[in-house]
Amino acid sequence: MNATEKGQRYAQVFRKAGTFLAKGNIARAIDALKEGRELAQAWGDAAMAKRFADEIARASSRLKSDE
């Protein structure tokens, strides 16, 4: 898979997560972000895996504050 295809896939995952966050469905957003992190890890892209992990942590803190 080339860099363009990876970038498109990552963008798709971030858009999906953003849609869930906008609707207030934080748990589904976290699931989408975890999917992205797993893709990045499988492709050996440590920087993107870290970015997804950071976004998961950010979304998780929103989930905890809503409880």
Protein backbone atom coordinates (compact mmCIF):
# COMPACT_ATOMS: atom_id res chain seq x y z
CA MET A 1 0.00 0.00 0.00
CA ASN A 2 1.44 3.36 -0.96
CA ALA A 3 1.51 6.50 1.18
CA THR A 4 -1.49 8.05 -0.56
CA GLU A 5 -3.68 5.04 0.09
CA LYS A 6 -2.58 4.93 3.74
CA GLY A 7 -3.35 8.63 4.14
CA GLN A 8 -6.78 8.18 2.62
CA ARG A 9 -7.52 5.27 4.94
CA TYR A 10 -6.35 7.21 8.00
CA ALA A 11 -8.47 10.20 6.97
CA GLN A 12 -11.49 7.94 6.56
CA VAL A 13 -11.04 6.59 10.09
CA PHE A 14 -10.66 10.11 11.54
CA ARG A 15 -13.79 11.30 9.71
CA LYS A 16 -15.73 8.29 10.98
CA ALA A 17 -14.59 8.97 14.55
CA GLY A 18 -15.40 12.67 14.17
CA THR A 19 -18.91 11.87 13.01
CA PHE A 20 -19.50 9.70 16.05
CA LEU A 21 -18.07 12.39 18.36
CA ALA A 22 -20.31 15.03 16.80
CA LYS A 23 -23.32 12.84 17.48
CA GLY A 24 -22.20 12.31 21.08
CA ASN A 25 -21.46 8.62 20.53
CA ILE A 26 -18.05 8.62 22.19
CA ALA A 27 -17.81 4.85 22.65
CA ARG A 28 -18.23 4.25 18.90
CA ALA A 29 -15.70 7.00 18.17
CA ILE A 30 -13.20 5.27 20.43
CA ASP A 31 -13.82 1.99 18.60
CA ALA A 32 -13.14 3.71 15.26
CA LEU A 33 -9.94 5.25 16.61
CA LYS A 34 -8.81 1.87 17.91
CA GLU A 35 -9.37 0.47 14.43
CA GLY A 36 -7.10 3.21 13.06
CA ARG A 37 -4.44 2.51 15.67
CA GLU A 38 -4.49 -1.18 14.76
CA LEU A 39 -4.10 -0.33 11.07
CA ALA A 40 -1.16 1.95 11.80
CA GLN A 41 0.50 -0.71 13.94
CA ALA A 42 -0.02 -3.36 11.26
CA TRP A 43 1.55 -1.03 8.68
CA GLY A 44 4.48 -0.25 11.00
CA ASP A 45 3.55 3.43 11.25
CA ALA A 46 4.47 4.27 14.84
CA ALA A 47 3.81 8.01 14.49
CA MET A 48 0.23 7.48 13.35
CA ALA A 49 -0.34 4.75 15.94
CA LYS A 50 0.70 7.29 18.59
CA ARG A 51 -1.62 9.92 17.11
CA PHE A 52 -4.54 7.50 17.25
CA ALA A 53 -3.60 6.54 20.82
CA ASP A 54 -3.57 10.23 21.80
CA GLU A 55 -7.01 10.74 20.26
CA ILE A 56 -8.31 7.63 22.06
CA ALA A 57 -7.08 9.08 25.35
CA ARG A 58 -8.71 12.44 24.57
CA ALA A 59 -12.04 10.81 23.67
CA SER A 60 -11.87 8.54 26.72
CA SER A 61 -11.50 11.55 28.99
CA ARG A 62 -14.67 13.01 27.40
CA LEU A 63 -16.46 9.73 28.04
CA LYS A 64 -15.43 9.76 31.71
CA SER A 65 -16.45 13.40 32.16
CA ASP A 66 -19.91 12.62 30.74
CA GLU A 67 -20.56 9.90 33.33
